[in-house]
Amino acid sequence: TIRQGRRTPSAISAQQARTVLTDTVIGAEP
């Protein structure tokens, strides 16, 4: 429930979460 609040999050699968977190182009943060 700790989200930045101004952006609506999208539901993603575990595999998609792994991809997003490990892709250096996106630069996502956990």
PDB file of all heavy atoms in Angstrom:
ATOM      1  N   THR A   1       0.820  -1.209   0.000  1.00  0.00           N
ATOM      2  CA  THR A   1       0.000   0.000   0.000  1.00  0.00           C
ATOM      3  C   THR A   1       0.855   1.262   0.000  1.00  0.00           C
ATOM      4  O   THR A   1       0.329   2.368   0.011  1.00  0.00           O
ATOM      5  CB  THR A   1      -0.929   0.022   1.231  1.00  0.00           C
ATOM      6  OG1 THR A   1      -0.125  -0.070   2.409  1.00  0.00           O
ATOM      7  CG2 THR A   1      -1.914  -1.125   1.180  1.00  0.00           C
ATOM      8  N   ILE A   2       2.168   1.108   0.004  1.00  0.00           N
ATOM      9  CA  ILE A   2       3.067   2.260   0.012  1.00  0.00           C
ATOM     10  C   ILE A   2       3.429   2.582  -1.430  1.00  0.00           C
ATOM     11  O   ILE A   2       4.355   2.028  -2.002  1.00  0.00           O
ATOM     12  CB  ILE A   2       4.359   1.964   0.814  1.00  0.00           C
ATOM     13  CG1 ILE A   2       4.038   1.420   2.186  1.00  0.00           C
ATOM     14  CG2 ILE A   2       5.249   3.201   0.898  1.00  0.00           C
ATOM     15  CD1 ILE A   2       3.213   2.343   3.066  1.00  0.00           C
ATOM     16  N   ARG A   3       2.652   3.466  -2.027  1.00  0.00           N
ATOM     17  CA  ARG A   3       2.931   3.858  -3.410  1.00  0.00           C
ATOM     18  C   ARG A   3       3.036   5.366  -3.461  1.00  0.00           C
ATOM     19  O   ARG A   3       2.613   6.056  -2.557  1.00  0.00           O
ATOM     20  CB  ARG A   3       1.836   3.333  -4.333  1.00  0.00           C
ATOM     21  CG  ARG A   3       1.857   1.816  -4.441  1.00  0.00           C
ATOM     22  CD  ARG A   3       0.975   1.327  -5.555  1.00  0.00           C
ATOM     23  NE  ARG A   3      -0.443   1.420  -5.263  1.00  0.00           N
ATOM     24  CZ  ARG A   3      -1.134   0.517  -4.590  1.00  0.00           C
ATOM     25  NH1 ARG A   3      -0.552  -0.546  -4.112  1.00  0.00           N
ATOM     26  NH2 ARG A   3      -2.407   0.674  -4.383  1.00  0.00           N
ATOM     27  N   GLN A   4       3.565   5.869  -4.554  1.00  0.00           N
ATOM     28  CA  GLN A   4       3.807   7.301  -4.664  1.00  0.00           C
ATOM     29  C   GLN A   4       2.503   8.095  -4.744  1.00  0.00           C
ATOM     30  O   GLN A   4       2.499   9.274  -4.521  1.00  0.00           O
ATOM     31  CB  GLN A   4       4.701   7.581  -5.868  1.00  0.00           C
ATOM     32  CG  GLN A   4       5.988   6.807  -5.757  1.00  0.00           C
ATOM     33  CD  GLN A   4       7.191   7.590  -6.178  1.00  0.00           C
ATOM     34  OE1 GLN A   4       7.081   8.697  -6.651  1.00  0.00           O
ATOM     35  NE2 GLN A   4       8.337   7.011  -5.986  1.00  0.00           N
ATOM     36  N   GLY A   5       1.397   7.425  -5.097  1.00  0.00           N
ATOM     37  CA  GLY A   5       0.106   8.061  -5.009  1.00  0.00           C
ATOM     38  C   GLY A   5      -0.349   8.832  -6.226  1.00  0.00           C
ATOM     39  O   GLY A   5      -1.527   8.929  -6.473  1.00  0.00           O
ATOM     40  N   ARG A   6       0.557   9.390  -7.007  1.00  0.00           N
ATOM     41  CA  ARG A   6       0.094  10.189  -8.141  1.00  0.00           C
ATOM     42  C   ARG A   6       0.012   9.380  -9.423  1.00  0.00           C
ATOM     43  O   ARG A   6      -0.465   9.854 -10.425  1.00  0.00           O
ATOM     44  CB  ARG A   6       0.965  11.414  -8.350  1.00  0.00           C
ATOM     45  CG  ARG A   6       2.373  11.109  -8.753  1.00  0.00           C
ATOM     46  CD  ARG A   6       3.172  12.399  -8.915  1.00  0.00           C
ATOM     47  NE  ARG A   6       4.321  12.095  -9.713  1.00  0.00           N
ATOM     48  CZ  ARG A   6       4.704  12.766 -10.761  1.00  0.00           C
ATOM     49  NH1 ARG A   6       4.041  13.821 -11.136  1.00  0.00           N
ATOM     50  NH2 ARG A   6       5.747  12.410 -11.454  1.00  0.00           N
ATOM     51  N   ARG A   7       0.480   8.135  -9.382  1.00  0.00           N
ATOM     52  CA  ARG A   7       0.420   7.287 -10.563  1.00  0.00           C
ATOM     53  C   ARG A   7      -0.370   6.030 -10.242  1.00  0.00           C
ATOM     54  O   ARG A   7      -0.195   5.438  -9.180  1.00  0.00           O
ATOM     55  CB  ARG A   7       1.836   6.884 -11.012  1.00  0.00           C
ATOM     56  CG  ARG A   7       2.679   8.087 -11.377  1.00  0.00           C
ATOM     57  CD  ARG A   7       4.030   7.674 -11.853  1.00  0.00           C
ATOM     58  NE  ARG A   7       4.824   7.141 -10.740  1.00  0.00           N
ATOM     59  CZ  ARG A   7       6.091   6.800 -10.850  1.00  0.00           C
ATOM     60  NH1 ARG A   7       6.717   6.908 -11.986  1.00  0.00           N
ATOM     61  NH2 ARG A   7       6.756   6.332  -9.820  1.00  0.00           N
ATOM     62  N   THR A   8      -1.240   5.643 -11.143  1.00  0.00           N
ATOM     63  CA  THR A   8      -2.015   4.424 -10.947  1.00  0.00           C
ATOM     64  C   THR A   8      -1.157   3.244 -11.375  1.00  0.00           C
ATOM     65  O   THR A   8      -0.695   3.196 -12.504  1.00  0.00           O
ATOM     66  CB  THR A   8      -3.304   4.466 -11.796  1.00  0.00           C
ATOM     67  OG1 THR A   8      -4.035   5.627 -11.430  1.00  0.00           O
ATOM     68  CG2 THR A   8      -4.141   3.231 -11.563  1.00  0.00           C
ATOM     69  N   PRO A   9      -0.929   2.279 -10.485  1.00  0.00           N
ATOM     70  CA  PRO A   9      -0.071   1.154 -10.847  1.00  0.00           C
ATOM     71  C   PRO A   9      -0.783   0.167 -11.762  1.00  0.00           C
ATOM     72  O   PRO A   9      -2.001   0.042 -11.730  1.00  0.00           O
ATOM     73  CB  PRO A   9       0.253   0.514  -9.498  1.00  0.00           C
ATOM     74  CG  PRO A   9      -0.887   0.889  -8.619  1.00  0.00           C
ATOM     75  CD  PRO A   9      -1.372   2.232  -9.102  1.00  0.00           C
ATOM     76  N   SER A  10      -0.001  -0.526 -12.579  1.00  0.00           N
ATOM     77  CA  SER A  10      -0.502  -1.578 -13.460  1.00  0.00           C
ATOM     78  C   SER A  10      -0.198  -2.923 -12.831  1.00  0.00           C
ATOM     79  O   SER A  10       0.891  -3.122 -12.285  1.00  0.00           O
ATOM     80  CB  SER A  10       0.182  -1.513 -14.822  1.00  0.00           C
ATOM     81  OG  SER A  10       0.006  -0.263 -15.418  1.00  0.00           O
ATOM     82  N   ALA A  11      -1.122  -3.854 -12.954  1.00  0.00           N
ATOM     83  CA  ALA A  11      -0.895  -5.215 -12.472  1.00  0.00           C
ATOM     84  C   ALA A  11       0.038  -5.932 -13.435  1.00  0.00           C
ATOM     85  O   ALA A  11      -0.133  -5.848 -14.651  1.00  0.00           O
ATOM     86  CB  ALA A  11      -2.218  -5.964 -12.374  1.00  0.00           C
ATOM     87  N   ILE A  12       1.055  -6.600 -12.897  1.00  0.00           N
ATOM     88  CA  ILE A  12       1.981  -7.373 -13.721  1.00  0.00           C
ATOM     89  C   ILE A  12       2.245  -8.721 -13.053  1.00  0.00           C
ATOM     90  O   ILE A  12       2.041  -8.873 -11.857  1.00  0.00           O
ATOM     91  CB  ILE A  12       3.315  -6.615 -13.978  1.00  0.00           C
ATOM     92  CG1 ILE A  12       4.036  -6.273 -12.667  1.00  0.00           C
ATOM     93  CG2 ILE A  12       3.083  -5.367 -14.804  1.00  0.00           C
ATOM     94  CD1 ILE A  12       5.417  -5.646 -12.862  1.00  0.00           C
ATOM     95  N   SER A  13       2.696  -9.679 -13.852  1.00  0.00           N
ATOM     96  CA  SER A  13       2.997 -11.017 -13.336  1.00  0.00           C
ATOM     97  C   SER A  13       4.388 -11.031 -12.720  1.00  0.00           C
ATOM     98  O   SER A  13       5.163 -10.082 -12.856  1.00  0.00           O
ATOM     99  CB  SER A  13       2.939 -12.029 -14.480  1.00  0.00           C
ATOM    100  OG  SER A  13       4.016 -11.809 -15.375  1.00  0.00           O
ATOM    101  N   ALA A  14       4.731 -12.143 -12.092  1.00  0.00           N
ATOM    102  CA  ALA A  14       6.063 -12.291 -11.502  1.00  0.00           C
ATOM    103  C   ALA A  14       7.131 -12.221 -12.593  1.00  0.00           C
ATOM    104  O   ALA A  14       8.161 -11.568 -12.413  1.00  0.00           O
ATOM    105  CB  ALA A  14       6.159 -13.612 -10.741  1.00  0.00           C
ATOM    106  N   GLN A  15       6.890 -12.879 -13.730  1.00  0.00           N
ATOM    107  CA  GLN A  15       7.873 -12.841 -14.820  1.00  0.00           C
ATOM    108  C   GLN A  15       8.038 -11.424 -15.359  1.00  0.00           C
ATOM    109  O   GLN A  15       9.154 -10.978 -15.633  1.00  0.00           O
ATOM    110  CB  GLN A  15       7.466 -13.797 -15.950  1.00  0.00           C
ATOM    111  CG  GLN A  15       8.465 -13.849 -17.082  1.00  0.00           C
ATOM    112  CD  GLN A  15       9.865 -14.248 -16.618  1.00  0.00           C
ATOM    113  OE1 GLN A  15      10.015 -15.160 -15.831  1.00  0.00           O
ATOM    114  NE2 GLN A  15      10.879 -13.557 -17.088  1.00  0.00           N
ATOM    115  N   GLN A  16       6.956 -10.704 -15.509  1.00  0.00           N
ATOM    116  CA  GLN A  16       7.037  -9.320 -15.981  1.00  0.00           C
ATOM    117  C   GLN A  16       7.781  -8.452 -14.970  1.00  0.00           C
ATOM    118  O   GLN A  16       8.582  -7.603 -15.342  1.00  0.00           O
ATOM    119  CB  GLN A  16       5.635  -8.774 -16.247  1.00  0.00           C
ATOM    120  CG  GLN A  16       4.963  -9.435 -17.430  1.00  0.00           C
ATOM    121  CD  GLN A  16       3.480  -9.137 -17.501  1.00  0.00           C
ATOM    122  OE1 GLN A  16       2.810  -8.927 -16.486  1.00  0.00           O
ATOM    123  NE2 GLN A  16       2.936  -9.128 -18.709  1.00  0.00           N
ATOM    124  N   ALA A  17       7.550  -8.683 -13.678  1.00  0.00           N
ATOM    125  CA  ALA A  17       8.249  -7.924 -12.637  1.00  0.00           C
ATOM    126  C   ALA A  17       9.746  -8.190 -12.705  1.00  0.00           C
ATOM    127  O   ALA A  17      10.562  -7.264 -12.605  1.00  0.00           O
ATOM    128  CB  ALA A  17       7.700  -8.286 -11.257  1.00  0.00           C
ATOM    129  N   ARG A  18      10.138  -9.460 -12.895  1.00  0.00           N
ATOM    130  CA  ARG A  18      11.569  -9.787 -13.041  1.00  0.00           C
ATOM    131  C   ARG A  18      12.171  -9.058 -14.231  1.00  0.00           C
ATOM    132  O   ARG A  18      13.250  -8.485 -14.145  1.00  0.00           O
ATOM    133  CB  ARG A  18      11.747 -11.297 -13.248  1.00  0.00           C
ATOM    134  CG  ARG A  18      11.776 -12.091 -12.002  1.00  0.00           C
ATOM    135  CD  ARG A  18      12.136 -13.555 -12.277  1.00  0.00           C
ATOM    136  NE  ARG A  18      11.686 -14.352 -11.176  1.00  0.00           N
ATOM    137  CZ  ARG A  18      10.487 -14.920 -11.079  1.00  0.00           C
ATOM    138  NH1 ARG A  18       9.630 -14.826 -12.050  1.00  0.00           N
ATOM    139  NH2 ARG A  18      10.167 -15.600  -9.997  1.00  0.00           N
ATOM    140  N   THR A  19      11.453  -9.085 -15.350  1.00  0.00           N
ATOM    141  CA  THR A  19      11.943  -8.441 -16.570  1.00  0.00           C
ATOM    142  C   THR A  19      12.127  -6.949 -16.365  1.00  0.00           C
ATOM    143  O   THR A  19      13.161  -6.381 -16.709  1.00  0.00           O
ATOM    144  CB  THR A  19      10.965  -8.694 -17.736  1.00  0.00           C
ATOM    145  OG1 THR A  19      10.834 -10.107 -17.932  1.00  0.00           O
ATOM    146  CG2 THR A  19      11.455  -8.039 -19.015  1.00  0.00           C
ATOM    147  N   VAL A  20      11.126  -6.301 -15.789  1.00  0.00           N
ATOM    148  CA  VAL A  20      11.180  -4.852 -15.587  1.00  0.00           C
ATOM    149  C   VAL A  20      12.304  -4.478 -14.615  1.00  0.00           C
ATOM    150  O   VAL A  20      13.039  -3.519 -14.839  1.00  0.00           O
ATOM    151  CB  VAL A  20       9.811  -4.326 -15.090  1.00  0.00           C
ATOM    152  CG1 VAL A  20       9.904  -2.891 -14.640  1.00  0.00           C
ATOM    153  CG2 VAL A  20       8.777  -4.464 -16.190  1.00  0.00           C
ATOM    154  N   LEU A  21      12.458  -5.243 -13.536  1.00  0.00           N
ATOM    155  CA  LEU A  21      13.479  -4.917 -12.536  1.00  0.00           C
ATOM    156  C   LEU A  21      14.899  -5.171 -13.028  1.00  0.00           C
ATOM    157  O   LEU A  21      15.834  -4.510 -12.585  1.00  0.00           O
ATOM    158  CB  LEU A  21      13.232  -5.706 -11.250  1.00  0.00           C
ATOM    159  CG  LEU A  21      12.096  -5.196 -10.373  1.00  0.00           C
ATOM    160  CD1 LEU A  21      11.784  -6.185  -9.268  1.00  0.00           C
ATOM    161  CD2 LEU A  21      12.420  -3.831  -9.802  1.00  0.00           C
ATOM    162  N   THR A  22      15.087  -6.114 -13.929  1.00  0.00           N
ATOM    163  CA  THR A  22      16.445  -6.442 -14.375  1.00  0.00           C
ATOM    164  C   THR A  22      16.822  -5.776 -15.685  1.00  0.00           C
ATOM    165  O   THR A  22      17.981  -5.847 -16.100  1.00  0.00           O
ATOM    166  CB  THR A  22      16.626  -7.970 -14.512  1.00  0.00           C
ATOM    167  OG1 THR A  22      15.646  -8.480 -15.427  1.00  0.00           O
ATOM    168  CG2 THR A  22      16.487  -8.652 -13.162  1.00  0.00           C
ATOM    169  N   ASP A  23      15.888  -5.105 -16.352  1.00  0.00           N
ATOM    170  CA  ASP A  23      16.196  -4.426 -17.619  1.00  0.00           C
ATOM    171  C   ASP A  23      16.841  -3.077 -17.331  1.00  0.00           C
ATOM    172  O   ASP A  23      16.245  -2.209 -16.706  1.00  0.00           O
ATOM    173  CB  ASP A  23      14.918  -4.238 -18.436  1.00  0.00           C
ATOM    174  CG  ASP A  23      15.202  -3.714 -19.826  1.00  0.00           C
ATOM    175  OD1 ASP A  23      15.715  -2.579 -19.937  1.00  0.00           O
ATOM    176  OD2 ASP A  23      14.918  -4.430 -20.790  1.00  0.00           O
ATOM    177  N   THR A  24      18.062  -2.890 -17.805  1.00  0.00           N
ATOM    178  CA  THR A  24      18.787  -1.641 -17.531  1.00  0.00           C
ATOM    179  C   THR A  24      18.243  -0.461 -18.328  1.00  0.00           C
ATOM    180  O   THR A  24      18.441   0.684 -17.930  1.00  0.00           O
ATOM    181  CB  THR A  24      20.285  -1.819 -17.827  1.00  0.00           C
ATOM    182  OG1 THR A  24      20.440  -2.250 -19.183  1.00  0.00           O
ATOM    183  CG2 THR A  24      20.908  -2.835 -16.890  1.00  0.00           C
ATOM    184  N   VAL A  25      17.558  -0.712 -19.434  1.00  0.00           N
ATOM    185  CA  VAL A  25      16.990   0.384 -20.221  1.00  0.00           C
ATOM    186  C   VAL A  25      15.855   1.055 -19.462  1.00  0.00           C
ATOM    187  O   VAL A  25      15.751   2.277 -19.415  1.00  0.00           O
ATOM    188  CB  VAL A  25      16.493  -0.111 -21.601  1.00  0.00           C
ATOM    189  CG1 VAL A  25      15.781   0.991 -22.356  1.00  0.00           C
ATOM    190  CG2 VAL A  25      17.656  -0.643 -22.420  1.00  0.00           C
ATOM    191  N   ILE A  26      15.013   0.257 -18.838  1.00  0.00           N
ATOM    192  CA  ILE A  26      13.886   0.808 -18.085  1.00  0.00           C
ATOM    193  C   ILE A  26      14.376   1.470 -16.805  1.00  0.00           C
ATOM    194  O   ILE A  26      13.900   2.522 -16.423  1.00  0.00           O
ATOM    195  CB  ILE A  26      12.858  -0.290 -17.761  1.00  0.00           C
ATOM    196  CG1 ILE A  26      12.211  -0.779 -19.047  1.00  0.00           C
ATOM    197  CG2 ILE A  26      11.786   0.227 -16.810  1.00  0.00           C
ATOM    198  CD1 ILE A  26      11.232  -1.891 -18.856  1.00  0.00           C
ATOM    199  N   GLY A  27      15.316   0.854 -16.139  1.00  0.00           N
ATOM    200  CA  GLY A  27      15.847   1.425 -14.902  1.00  0.00           C
ATOM    201  C   GLY A  27      14.840   1.443 -13.773  1.00  0.00           C
ATOM    202  O   GLY A  27      14.800   2.379 -12.979  1.00  0.00           O
ATOM    203  N   ALA A  28      14.014   0.404 -13.684  1.00  0.00           N
ATOM    204  CA  ALA A  28      12.998   0.345 -12.633  1.00  0.00           C
ATOM    205  C   ALA A  28      13.654   0.092 -11.281  1.00  0.00           C
ATOM    206  O   ALA A  28      14.720  -0.506 -11.188  1.00  0.00           O
ATOM    207  CB  ALA A  28      11.990  -0.758 -12.933  1.00  0.00           C
ATOM    208  N   GLU A  29      12.974   0.548 -10.241  1.00  0.00           N
ATOM    209  CA  GLU A  29      13.459   0.353  -8.880  1.00  0.00           C
ATOM    210  C   GLU A  29      12.460  -0.485  -8.097  1.00  0.00           C
ATOM    211  O   GLU A  29      11.252  -0.349  -8.289  1.00  0.00           O
ATOM    212  CB  GLU A  29      13.613   1.706  -8.176  1.00  0.00           C
ATOM    213  CG  GLU A  29      14.644   2.599  -8.818  1.00  0.00           C
ATOM    214  CD  GLU A  29      14.752   3.950  -8.115  1.00  0.00           C
ATOM    215  OE1 GLU A  29      14.068   4.166  -7.086  1.00  0.00           O
ATOM    216  OE2 GLU A  29      15.513   4.784  -8.606  1.00  0.00           O
ATOM    217  N   PRO A  30      12.943  -1.337  -7.197  1.00  0.00           N
ATOM    218  CA  PRO A  30      12.013  -2.060  -6.336  1.00  0.00           C
ATOM    219  C   PRO A  30      11.549  -1.148  -5.204  1.00  0.00           C
ATOM    220  O   PRO A  30      12.276  -0.253  -4.772  1.00  0.00           O
ATOM    221  CB  PRO A  30      12.865  -3.206  -5.793  1.00  0.00           C
ATOM    222  CG  PRO A  30      14.260  -2.672  -5.811  1.00  0.00           C
ATOM    223  CD  PRO A  30      14.336  -1.741  -6.989  1.00  0.00           C
TER     224      PRO A  30
END
